[in-house]
All heavy atoms as atom14 arrays in JSON, in Angstrom:
{
  "sequence": "RFNAMMRKIGGVSHRMLTLTLRGLEREGLLTRTAYPTIPPKVEYELTD",
  "atom14_mask": [
    [1, 1, 1, 1, 1, 1, 1, 1, 1, 1, 1, 0, 0, 0],
    [1, 1, 1, 1, 1, 1, 1, 1, 1, 1, 1, 0, 0, 0],
    [1, 1, 1, 1, 1, 1, 1, 1, 0, 0, 0, 0, 0, 0],
    [1, 1, 1, 1, 1, 0, 0, 0, 0, 0, 0, 0, 0, 0],
    [1, 1, 1, 1, 1, 1, 1, 1, 0, 0, 0, 0, 0, 0],
    [1, 1, 1, 1, 1, 1, 1, 1, 0, 0, 0, 0, 0, 0],
    [1, 1, 1, 1, 1, 1, 1, 1, 1, 1, 1, 0, 0, 0],
    [1, 1, 1, 1, 1, 1, 1, 1, 1, 0, 0, 0, 0, 0],
    [1, 1, 1, 1, 1, 1, 1, 1, 0, 0, 0, 0, 0, 0],
    [1, 1, 1, 1, 0, 0, 0, 0, 0, 0, 0, 0, 0, 0],
    [1, 1, 1, 1, 0, 0, 0, 0, 0, 0, 0, 0, 0, 0],
    [1, 1, 1, 1, 1, 1, 1, 0, 0, 0, 0, 0, 0, 0],
    [1, 1, 1, 1, 1, 1, 0, 0, 0, 0, 0, 0, 0, 0],
    [1, 1, 1, 1, 1, 1, 1, 1, 1, 1, 0, 0, 0, 0],
    [1, 1, 1, 1, 1, 1, 1, 1, 1, 1, 1, 0, 0, 0],
    [1, 1, 1, 1, 1, 1, 1, 1, 0, 0, 0, 0, 0, 0],
    [1, 1, 1, 1, 1, 1, 1, 1, 0, 0, 0, 0, 0, 0],
    [1, 1, 1, 1, 1, 1, 1, 0, 0, 0, 0, 0, 0, 0],
    [1, 1, 1, 1, 1, 1, 1, 1, 0, 0, 0, 0, 0, 0],
    [1, 1, 1, 1, 1, 1, 1, 0, 0, 0, 0, 0, 0, 0],
    [1, 1, 1, 1, 1, 1, 1, 1, 0, 0, 0, 0, 0, 0],
    [1, 1, 1, 1, 1, 1, 1, 1, 1, 1, 1, 0, 0, 0],
    [1, 1, 1, 1, 0, 0, 0, 0, 0, 0, 0, 0, 0, 0],
    [1, 1, 1, 1, 1, 1, 1, 1, 0, 0, 0, 0, 0, 0],
    [1, 1, 1, 1, 1, 1, 1, 1, 1, 0, 0, 0, 0, 0],
    [1, 1, 1, 1, 1, 1, 1, 1, 1, 1, 1, 0, 0, 0],
    [1, 1, 1, 1, 1, 1, 1, 1, 1, 0, 0, 0, 0, 0],
    [1, 1, 1, 1, 0, 0, 0, 0, 0, 0, 0, 0, 0, 0],
    [1, 1, 1, 1, 1, 1, 1, 1, 0, 0, 0, 0, 0, 0],
    [1, 1, 1, 1, 1, 1, 1, 1, 0, 0, 0, 0, 0, 0],
    [1, 1, 1, 1, 1, 1, 1, 0, 0, 0, 0, 0, 0, 0],
    [1, 1, 1, 1, 1, 1, 1, 1, 1, 1, 1, 0, 0, 0],
    [1, 1, 1, 1, 1, 1, 1, 0, 0, 0, 0, 0, 0, 0],
    [1, 1, 1, 1, 1, 0, 0, 0, 0, 0, 0, 0, 0, 0],
    [1, 1, 1, 1, 1, 1, 1, 1, 1, 1, 1, 1, 0, 0],
    [1, 1, 1, 1, 1, 1, 1, 0, 0, 0, 0, 0, 0, 0],
    [1, 1, 1, 1, 1, 1, 1, 0, 0, 0, 0, 0, 0, 0],
    [1, 1, 1, 1, 1, 1, 1, 1, 0, 0, 0, 0, 0, 0],
    [1, 1, 1, 1, 1, 1, 1, 0, 0, 0, 0, 0, 0, 0],
    [1, 1, 1, 1, 1, 1, 1, 0, 0, 0, 0, 0, 0, 0],
    [1, 1, 1, 1, 1, 1, 1, 1, 1, 0, 0, 0, 0, 0],
    [1, 1, 1, 1, 1, 1, 1, 0, 0, 0, 0, 0, 0, 0],
    [1, 1, 1, 1, 1, 1, 1, 1, 1, 0, 0, 0, 0, 0],
    [1, 1, 1, 1, 1, 1, 1, 1, 1, 1, 1, 1, 0, 0],
    [1, 1, 1, 1, 1, 1, 1, 1, 1, 0, 0, 0, 0, 0],
    [1, 1, 1, 1, 1, 1, 1, 1, 0, 0, 0, 0, 0, 0],
    [1, 1, 1, 1, 1, 1, 1, 0, 0, 0, 0, 0, 0, 0],
    [1, 1, 1, 1, 1, 1, 1, 1, 0, 0, 0, 0, 0, 0]
  ],
  "atom14_positions": [
    [[85.74, 103.13, 89.63], [86.72, 102.92, 88.58], [87.96, 103.75, 88.9], [87.93, 104.68, 89.7], [86.12, 103.29, 87.23], [84.98, 102.33, 86.87], [84.31, 102.68, 85.59], [85.23, 102.44, 84.47], [84.87, 102.59, 83.21], [83.65, 102.98, 82.9], [85.73, 102.37, 82.24], [0.0, 0.0, 0.0], [0.0, 0.0, 0.0], [0.0, 0.0, 0.0]],
    [[89.07, 103.37, 88.27], [90.37, 103.97, 88.56], [90.35, 105.5, 88.4], [90.76, 106.23, 89.3], [91.44, 103.35, 87.65], [92.84, 103.77, 87.98], [93.59, 103.05, 88.89], [93.39, 104.89, 87.38], [94.87, 103.44, 89.19], [94.68, 105.29, 87.69], [95.43, 104.56, 88.59], [0.0, 0.0, 0.0], [0.0, 0.0, 0.0], [0.0, 0.0, 0.0]],
    [[89.9, 105.98, 87.24], [89.94, 107.43, 87.0], [89.01, 108.2, 87.93], [89.33, 109.32, 88.33], [89.62, 107.74, 85.53], [90.77, 107.39, 84.62], [91.93, 107.42, 85.03], [90.46, 107.03, 83.39], [0.0, 0.0, 0.0], [0.0, 0.0, 0.0], [0.0, 0.0, 0.0], [0.0, 0.0, 0.0], [0.0, 0.0, 0.0], [0.0, 0.0, 0.0]],
    [[87.91, 107.6, 88.3], [87.01, 108.24, 89.27], [87.71, 108.36, 90.62], [87.59, 109.38, 91.31], [85.72, 107.45, 89.41], [0.0, 0.0, 0.0], [0.0, 0.0, 0.0], [0.0, 0.0, 0.0], [0.0, 0.0, 0.0], [0.0, 0.0, 0.0], [0.0, 0.0, 0.0], [0.0, 0.0, 0.0], [0.0, 0.0, 0.0], [0.0, 0.0, 0.0]],
    [[88.48, 107.33, 90.98], [89.24, 107.4, 92.23], [90.31, 108.48, 92.16], [90.51, 109.23, 93.12], [89.88, 106.05, 92.55], [88.87, 105.03, 93.0], [89.61, 103.46, 93.42], [90.7, 103.94, 94.73], [0.0, 0.0, 0.0], [0.0, 0.0, 0.0], [0.0, 0.0, 0.0], [0.0, 0.0, 0.0], [0.0, 0.0, 0.0], [0.0, 0.0, 0.0]],
    [[90.99, 108.58, 91.05], [92.02, 109.62, 90.9], [91.41, 111.0, 91.08], [91.99, 111.86, 91.76], [92.72, 109.52, 89.53], [93.74, 108.42, 89.5], [94.91, 108.58, 88.13], [95.84, 110.01, 88.61], [0.0, 0.0, 0.0], [0.0, 0.0, 0.0], [0.0, 0.0, 0.0], [0.0, 0.0, 0.0], [0.0, 0.0, 0.0], [0.0, 0.0, 0.0]],
    [[90.25, 111.22, 90.48], [89.59, 112.53, 90.62], [89.14, 112.77, 92.06], [89.3, 113.86, 92.59], [88.39, 112.62, 89.68], [88.77, 112.81, 88.21], [87.56, 113.11, 87.35], [86.55, 112.06, 87.37], [86.54, 110.99, 86.57], [87.51, 110.82, 85.69], [85.58, 110.1, 86.65], [0.0, 0.0, 0.0], [0.0, 0.0, 0.0], [0.0, 0.0, 0.0]],
    [[88.59, 111.75, 92.67], [88.08, 111.89, 94.05], [89.21, 112.15, 95.04], [89.1, 113.0, 95.92], [87.29, 110.67, 94.46], [86.71, 110.76, 95.86], [85.4, 110.04, 95.94], [84.81, 110.17, 97.31], [83.65, 111.0, 97.33], [0.0, 0.0, 0.0], [0.0, 0.0, 0.0], [0.0, 0.0, 0.0], [0.0, 0.0, 0.0], [0.0, 0.0, 0.0]],
    [[90.3, 111.42, 94.9], [91.42, 111.55, 95.83], [92.17, 112.86, 95.57], [92.48, 113.6, 96.5], [92.36, 110.34, 95.73], [91.65, 109.09, 96.26], [93.65, 110.59, 96.49], [92.39, 107.79, 96.04], [0.0, 0.0, 0.0], [0.0, 0.0, 0.0], [0.0, 0.0, 0.0], [0.0, 0.0, 0.0], [0.0, 0.0, 0.0], [0.0, 0.0, 0.0]],
    [[92.48, 113.14, 94.33], [93.19, 114.37, 93.99], [94.64, 114.35, 94.47], [94.93, 113.96, 95.6], [0.0, 0.0, 0.0], [0.0, 0.0, 0.0], [0.0, 0.0, 0.0], [0.0, 0.0, 0.0], [0.0, 0.0, 0.0], [0.0, 0.0, 0.0], [0.0, 0.0, 0.0], [0.0, 0.0, 0.0], [0.0, 0.0, 0.0], [0.0, 0.0, 0.0]],
    [[95.55, 114.75, 93.61], [96.95, 114.86, 93.99], [97.75, 113.57, 93.94], [98.96, 113.59, 94.13], [0.0, 0.0, 0.0], [0.0, 0.0, 0.0], [0.0, 0.0, 0.0], [0.0, 0.0, 0.0], [0.0, 0.0, 0.0], [0.0, 0.0, 0.0], [0.0, 0.0, 0.0], [0.0, 0.0, 0.0], [0.0, 0.0, 0.0], [0.0, 0.0, 0.0]],
    [[97.11, 112.47, 93.7], [97.81, 111.19, 93.62], [98.21, 110.93, 92.16], [97.42, 111.2, 91.25], [96.95, 110.02, 94.18], [95.7, 109.78, 93.36], [97.78, 108.74, 94.32], [0.0, 0.0, 0.0], [0.0, 0.0, 0.0], [0.0, 0.0, 0.0], [0.0, 0.0, 0.0], [0.0, 0.0, 0.0], [0.0, 0.0, 0.0], [0.0, 0.0, 0.0]],
    [[99.42, 110.45, 91.97], [99.85, 110.13, 90.61], [99.25, 108.8, 90.19], [98.84, 107.97, 91.02], [101.38, 110.04, 90.55], [101.84, 108.89, 91.24], [0.0, 0.0, 0.0], [0.0, 0.0, 0.0], [0.0, 0.0, 0.0], [0.0, 0.0, 0.0], [0.0, 0.0, 0.0], [0.0, 0.0, 0.0], [0.0, 0.0, 0.0], [0.0, 0.0, 0.0]],
    [[99.21, 108.59, 88.89], [98.7, 107.34, 88.33], [99.48, 106.16, 88.9], [98.9, 105.17, 89.34], [98.83, 107.4, 86.8], [98.14, 106.28, 86.09], [98.68, 105.03, 85.96], [96.93, 106.24, 85.46], [97.85, 104.25, 85.29], [96.79, 104.96, 84.96], [0.0, 0.0, 0.0], [0.0, 0.0, 0.0], [0.0, 0.0, 0.0], [0.0, 0.0, 0.0]],
    [[100.79, 106.29, 88.91], [101.66, 105.22, 89.42], [101.4, 104.94, 90.89], [101.3, 103.8, 91.3], [103.13, 105.6, 89.19], [104.11, 104.6, 89.78], [105.55, 104.93, 89.36], [106.59, 104.41, 90.18], [106.82, 103.14, 90.48], [106.01, 102.2, 90.03], [107.83, 102.77, 91.23], [0.0, 0.0, 0.0], [0.0, 0.0, 0.0], [0.0, 0.0, 0.0]],
    [[101.3, 105.99, 91.71], [101.11, 105.79, 93.15], [99.75, 105.15, 93.44], [99.65, 104.26, 94.3], [101.26, 107.1, 93.89], [101.18, 106.96, 95.4], [102.28, 105.69, 96.12], [103.88, 106.32, 95.73], [0.0, 0.0, 0.0], [0.0, 0.0, 0.0], [0.0, 0.0, 0.0], [0.0, 0.0, 0.0], [0.0, 0.0, 0.0], [0.0, 0.0, 0.0]],
    [[98.72, 105.56, 92.73], [97.42, 104.95, 92.94], [97.44, 103.48, 92.51], [96.9, 102.61, 93.19], [96.3, 105.71, 92.21], [94.88, 105.19, 92.44], [94.54, 105.14, 93.93], [93.88, 106.06, 91.69], [0.0, 0.0, 0.0], [0.0, 0.0, 0.0], [0.0, 0.0, 0.0], [0.0, 0.0, 0.0], [0.0, 0.0, 0.0], [0.0, 0.0, 0.0]],
    [[98.1, 103.2, 91.4], [98.23, 101.82, 90.93], [98.93, 100.97, 91.98], [98.47, 99.88, 92.33], [99.01, 101.76, 89.6], [98.27, 102.47, 88.6], [99.23, 100.33, 89.14], [0.0, 0.0, 0.0], [0.0, 0.0, 0.0], [0.0, 0.0, 0.0], [0.0, 0.0, 0.0], [0.0, 0.0, 0.0], [0.0, 0.0, 0.0], [0.0, 0.0, 0.0]],
    [[100.05, 101.45, 92.52], [100.8, 100.7, 93.53], [99.97, 100.52, 94.8], [99.97, 99.45, 95.41], [102.11, 101.42, 93.86], [103.17, 101.43, 92.76], [104.34, 102.3, 93.16], [103.63, 100.01, 92.44], [0.0, 0.0, 0.0], [0.0, 0.0, 0.0], [0.0, 0.0, 0.0], [0.0, 0.0, 0.0], [0.0, 0.0, 0.0], [0.0, 0.0, 0.0]],
    [[99.25, 101.55, 95.19], [98.41, 101.48, 96.39], [97.32, 100.44, 96.21], [97.09, 99.6, 97.09], [97.8, 102.86, 96.69], [98.87, 103.79, 96.94], [96.88, 102.81, 97.9], [0.0, 0.0, 0.0], [0.0, 0.0, 0.0], [0.0, 0.0, 0.0], [0.0, 0.0, 0.0], [0.0, 0.0, 0.0], [0.0, 0.0, 0.0], [0.0, 0.0, 0.0]],
    [[96.64, 100.48, 95.07], [95.55, 99.53, 94.83], [96.07, 98.1, 94.75], [95.44, 97.18, 95.28], [94.78, 99.91, 93.57], [94.02, 101.24, 93.65], [93.44, 101.61, 92.3], [92.95, 101.19, 94.72], [0.0, 0.0, 0.0], [0.0, 0.0, 0.0], [0.0, 0.0, 0.0], [0.0, 0.0, 0.0], [0.0, 0.0, 0.0], [0.0, 0.0, 0.0]],
    [[97.21, 97.9, 94.12], [97.8, 96.55, 94.07], [98.13, 96.05, 95.47], [97.9, 94.88, 95.79], [99.07, 96.55, 93.22], [98.8, 96.57, 91.75], [100.09, 96.49, 90.97], [99.84, 96.69, 89.55], [100.76, 97.05, 88.69], [102.02, 97.27, 89.09], [100.46, 97.21, 87.42], [0.0, 0.0, 0.0], [0.0, 0.0, 0.0], [0.0, 0.0, 0.0]],
    [[98.7, 96.92, 96.28], [99.02, 96.54, 97.65], [97.78, 96.17, 98.45], [97.78, 95.19, 99.2], [0.0, 0.0, 0.0], [0.0, 0.0, 0.0], [0.0, 0.0, 0.0], [0.0, 0.0, 0.0], [0.0, 0.0, 0.0], [0.0, 0.0, 0.0], [0.0, 0.0, 0.0], [0.0, 0.0, 0.0], [0.0, 0.0, 0.0], [0.0, 0.0, 0.0]],
    [[96.73, 96.96, 98.3], [95.48, 96.68, 99.01], [94.85, 95.37, 98.52], [94.31, 94.6, 99.32], [94.5, 97.83, 98.83], [94.89, 99.13, 99.53], [93.98, 100.27, 99.11], [94.88, 98.96, 101.03], [0.0, 0.0, 0.0], [0.0, 0.0, 0.0], [0.0, 0.0, 0.0], [0.0, 0.0, 0.0], [0.0, 0.0, 0.0], [0.0, 0.0, 0.0]],
    [[94.95, 95.11, 97.23], [94.44, 93.86, 96.69], [95.25, 92.68, 97.23], [94.68, 91.66, 97.63], [94.48, 93.88, 95.17], [93.9, 92.65, 94.52], [93.95, 92.67, 93.0], [94.65, 93.53, 92.41], [93.29, 91.81, 92.4], [0.0, 0.0, 0.0], [0.0, 0.0, 0.0], [0.0, 0.0, 0.0], [0.0, 0.0, 0.0], [0.0, 0.0, 0.0]],
    [[96.55, 92.85, 97.27], [97.43, 91.79, 97.77], [97.12, 91.44, 99.22], [97.18, 90.28, 99.62], [98.89, 92.24, 97.64], [99.88, 91.21, 98.1], [101.31, 91.67, 97.79], [102.23, 90.64, 98.19], [103.11, 90.78, 99.18], [103.18, 91.91, 99.86], [103.91, 89.79, 99.49], [0.0, 0.0, 0.0], [0.0, 0.0, 0.0], [0.0, 0.0, 0.0]],
    [[96.77, 92.43, 100.01], [96.47, 92.22, 101.43], [95.03, 91.76, 101.67], [94.62, 91.56, 102.8], [96.72, 93.51, 102.22], [98.13, 94.02, 102.18], [99.14, 93.15, 102.92], [98.71, 92.35, 103.78], [100.34, 93.27, 102.64], [0.0, 0.0, 0.0], [0.0, 0.0, 0.0], [0.0, 0.0, 0.0], [0.0, 0.0, 0.0], [0.0, 0.0, 0.0]],
    [[94.26, 91.65, 100.6], [92.89, 91.18, 100.73], [91.91, 92.26, 101.16], [90.81, 91.96, 101.61], [0.0, 0.0, 0.0], [0.0, 0.0, 0.0], [0.0, 0.0, 0.0], [0.0, 0.0, 0.0], [0.0, 0.0, 0.0], [0.0, 0.0, 0.0], [0.0, 0.0, 0.0], [0.0, 0.0, 0.0], [0.0, 0.0, 0.0], [0.0, 0.0, 0.0]],
    [[92.3, 93.53, 100.99], [91.45, 94.63, 101.42], [90.52, 95.13, 100.32], [89.55, 95.82, 100.6], [92.31, 95.78, 101.96], [93.17, 95.4, 103.18], [94.14, 96.52, 103.52], [92.3, 95.05, 104.36], [0.0, 0.0, 0.0], [0.0, 0.0, 0.0], [0.0, 0.0, 0.0], [0.0, 0.0, 0.0], [0.0, 0.0, 0.0], [0.0, 0.0, 0.0]],
    [[90.83, 94.81, 99.08], [89.93, 95.18, 97.98], [90.01, 94.14, 96.89], [90.93, 93.34, 96.84], [90.23, 96.59, 97.45], [91.54, 96.89, 96.73], [91.57, 96.36, 95.31], [91.74, 98.4, 96.69], [0.0, 0.0, 0.0], [0.0, 0.0, 0.0], [0.0, 0.0, 0.0], [0.0, 0.0, 0.0], [0.0, 0.0, 0.0], [0.0, 0.0, 0.0]],
    [[89.0, 94.2, 96.04], [88.99, 93.34, 94.85], [89.03, 94.21, 93.62], [88.54, 95.35, 93.61], [87.72, 92.45, 94.79], [86.57, 93.29, 94.82], [87.69, 91.47, 95.95], [0.0, 0.0, 0.0], [0.0, 0.0, 0.0], [0.0, 0.0, 0.0], [0.0, 0.0, 0.0], [0.0, 0.0, 0.0], [0.0, 0.0, 0.0], [0.0, 0.0, 0.0]],
    [[89.63, 93.65, 92.59], [89.7, 94.32, 91.28], [88.93, 93.44, 90.32], [89.25, 92.27, 90.15], [91.17, 94.43, 90.85], [91.38, 95.02, 89.5], [92.87, 94.97, 89.15], [93.14, 95.63, 87.89], [93.05, 95.07, 86.69], [92.67, 93.79, 86.58], [93.3, 95.76, 85.61], [0.0, 0.0, 0.0], [0.0, 0.0, 0.0], [0.0, 0.0, 0.0]],
    [[87.92, 94.02, 89.69], [87.1, 93.27, 88.75], [87.23, 93.91, 87.38], [86.92, 95.09, 87.21], [85.62, 93.25, 89.17], [85.54, 92.74, 90.5], [84.79, 92.39, 88.24], [0.0, 0.0, 0.0], [0.0, 0.0, 0.0], [0.0, 0.0, 0.0], [0.0, 0.0, 0.0], [0.0, 0.0, 0.0], [0.0, 0.0, 0.0], [0.0, 0.0, 0.0]],
    [[87.72, 93.12, 86.41], [87.86, 93.59, 85.03], [86.7, 93.02, 84.22], [86.44, 91.81, 84.24], [89.19, 93.14, 84.45], [0.0, 0.0, 0.0], [0.0, 0.0, 0.0], [0.0, 0.0, 0.0], [0.0, 0.0, 0.0], [0.0, 0.0, 0.0], [0.0, 0.0, 0.0], [0.0, 0.0, 0.0], [0.0, 0.0, 0.0], [0.0, 0.0, 0.0]],
    [[86.0, 93.9, 83.53], [84.86, 93.49, 82.69], [85.31, 93.45, 81.24], [85.99, 94.35, 80.77], [83.7, 94.46, 82.86], [83.17, 94.5, 84.27], [83.61, 95.46, 85.19], [82.23, 93.58, 84.71], [83.12, 95.49, 86.49], [81.73, 93.6, 86.0], [82.19, 94.56, 86.88], [81.72, 94.58, 88.17], [0.0, 0.0, 0.0], [0.0, 0.0, 0.0]],
    [[84.92, 92.39, 80.51], [85.36, 92.24, 79.12], [84.56, 93.12, 78.15], [83.79, 92.63, 77.34], [85.14, 90.75, 78.86], [83.99, 90.39, 79.75], [84.14, 91.26, 80.97], [0.0, 0.0, 0.0], [0.0, 0.0, 0.0], [0.0, 0.0, 0.0], [0.0, 0.0, 0.0], [0.0, 0.0, 0.0], [0.0, 0.0, 0.0], [0.0, 0.0, 0.0]],
    [[84.73, 94.4, 78.3], [84.04, 95.35, 77.42], [85.07, 96.11, 76.61], [86.26, 96.03, 76.87], [83.2, 96.35, 78.26], [84.09, 97.06, 79.14], [82.13, 95.64, 79.06], [0.0, 0.0, 0.0], [0.0, 0.0, 0.0], [0.0, 0.0, 0.0], [0.0, 0.0, 0.0], [0.0, 0.0, 0.0], [0.0, 0.0, 0.0], [0.0, 0.0, 0.0]],
    [[84.59, 96.85, 75.64], [85.47, 97.71, 74.85], [84.96, 99.13, 75.01], [83.84, 99.43, 74.61], [85.49, 97.29, 73.37], [86.02, 95.86, 73.27], [86.33, 98.25, 72.55], [85.98, 95.28, 71.89], [0.0, 0.0, 0.0], [0.0, 0.0, 0.0], [0.0, 0.0, 0.0], [0.0, 0.0, 0.0], [0.0, 0.0, 0.0], [0.0, 0.0, 0.0]],
    [[85.73, 100.02, 75.61], [87.04, 99.77, 76.21], [86.89, 98.98, 77.5], [85.8, 98.93, 78.09], [87.57, 101.18, 76.49], [86.35, 102.01, 76.67], [85.31, 101.42, 75.77], [0.0, 0.0, 0.0], [0.0, 0.0, 0.0], [0.0, 0.0, 0.0], [0.0, 0.0, 0.0], [0.0, 0.0, 0.0], [0.0, 0.0, 0.0], [0.0, 0.0, 0.0]],
    [[87.98, 98.36, 77.97], [87.91, 97.57, 79.2], [87.45, 98.41, 80.38], [87.79, 99.58, 80.49], [89.35, 97.08, 79.42], [90.02, 97.24, 78.09], [89.32, 98.36, 77.39], [0.0, 0.0, 0.0], [0.0, 0.0, 0.0], [0.0, 0.0, 0.0], [0.0, 0.0, 0.0], [0.0, 0.0, 0.0], [0.0, 0.0, 0.0], [0.0, 0.0, 0.0]],
    [[86.65, 97.81, 81.22], [86.15, 98.48, 82.42], [86.69, 97.71, 83.63], [86.57, 96.49, 83.69], [84.62, 98.47, 82.43], [84.0, 99.06, 83.67], [82.48, 98.94, 83.62], [81.88, 99.33, 84.96], [80.42, 99.15, 84.97], [0.0, 0.0, 0.0], [0.0, 0.0, 0.0], [0.0, 0.0, 0.0], [0.0, 0.0, 0.0], [0.0, 0.0, 0.0]],
    [[87.3, 98.45, 84.56], [87.84, 97.84, 85.78], [87.27, 98.59, 86.97], [87.27, 99.82, 87.0], [89.39, 97.9, 85.81], [89.92, 97.33, 87.11], [89.97, 97.16, 84.63], [0.0, 0.0, 0.0], [0.0, 0.0, 0.0], [0.0, 0.0, 0.0], [0.0, 0.0, 0.0], [0.0, 0.0, 0.0], [0.0, 0.0, 0.0], [0.0, 0.0, 0.0]],
    [[86.75, 97.83, 87.92], [86.22, 98.43, 89.15], [86.97, 97.88, 90.34], [87.4, 96.72, 90.36], [84.74, 98.11, 89.33], [83.82, 98.98, 88.53], [82.36, 98.75, 88.89], [82.02, 97.71, 89.47], [81.57, 99.64, 88.57], [0.0, 0.0, 0.0], [0.0, 0.0, 0.0], [0.0, 0.0, 0.0], [0.0, 0.0, 0.0], [0.0, 0.0, 0.0]],
    [[87.11, 98.73, 91.34], [87.73, 98.35, 92.6], [86.67, 98.47, 93.68], [85.85, 99.4, 93.69], [88.9, 99.29, 92.93], [90.0, 99.19, 91.91], [89.99, 99.98, 90.77], [91.03, 98.28, 92.06], [90.98, 99.88, 89.82], [92.03, 98.16, 91.12], [92.01, 98.98, 90.0], [92.99, 98.86, 89.06], [0.0, 0.0, 0.0], [0.0, 0.0, 0.0]],
    [[86.68, 97.49, 94.6], [85.69, 97.47, 95.66], [86.33, 96.91, 96.93], [87.11, 95.95, 96.87], [84.49, 96.61, 95.27], [83.38, 96.6, 96.28], [82.16, 95.84, 95.79], [82.24, 95.12, 94.78], [81.1, 95.99, 96.41], [0.0, 0.0, 0.0], [0.0, 0.0, 0.0], [0.0, 0.0, 0.0], [0.0, 0.0, 0.0], [0.0, 0.0, 0.0]],
    [[86.01, 97.49, 98.08], [86.52, 96.98, 99.33], [85.91, 95.61, 99.63], [84.74, 95.37, 99.36], [86.17, 97.93, 100.49], [86.85, 99.29, 100.49], [86.31, 100.15, 101.62], [88.36, 99.16, 100.6], [0.0, 0.0, 0.0], [0.0, 0.0, 0.0], [0.0, 0.0, 0.0], [0.0, 0.0, 0.0], [0.0, 0.0, 0.0], [0.0, 0.0, 0.0]],
    [[86.73, 94.74, 100.16], [86.25, 93.45, 100.65], [85.66, 93.67, 102.04], [85.72, 94.79, 102.59], [87.41, 92.44, 100.75], [88.36, 92.95, 101.68], [88.07, 92.19, 99.4], [0.0, 0.0, 0.0], [0.0, 0.0, 0.0], [0.0, 0.0, 0.0], [0.0, 0.0, 0.0], [0.0, 0.0, 0.0], [0.0, 0.0, 0.0], [0.0, 0.0, 0.0]],
    [[85.11, 92.65, 102.64], [84.64, 92.75, 104.02], [85.78, 93.18, 104.94], [85.59, 94.03, 105.82], [84.06, 91.42, 104.51], [82.73, 91.08, 103.85], [82.07, 91.99, 103.3], [82.35, 89.9, 103.88], [0.0, 0.0, 0.0], [0.0, 0.0, 0.0], [0.0, 0.0, 0.0], [0.0, 0.0, 0.0], [0.0, 0.0, 0.0], [0.0, 0.0, 0.0]]
  ]
}
């Protein structure tokens, strides 16, 4: 999940991590899966 990644990486801003993840998704390097829960749950996972 996003916040777990922020903690693991350390030193990255919310905005920079968001831009990085969007770029990786755009290039087909990861997938973003949003689960319809309350609160919303979003997971990121590397593609092949």
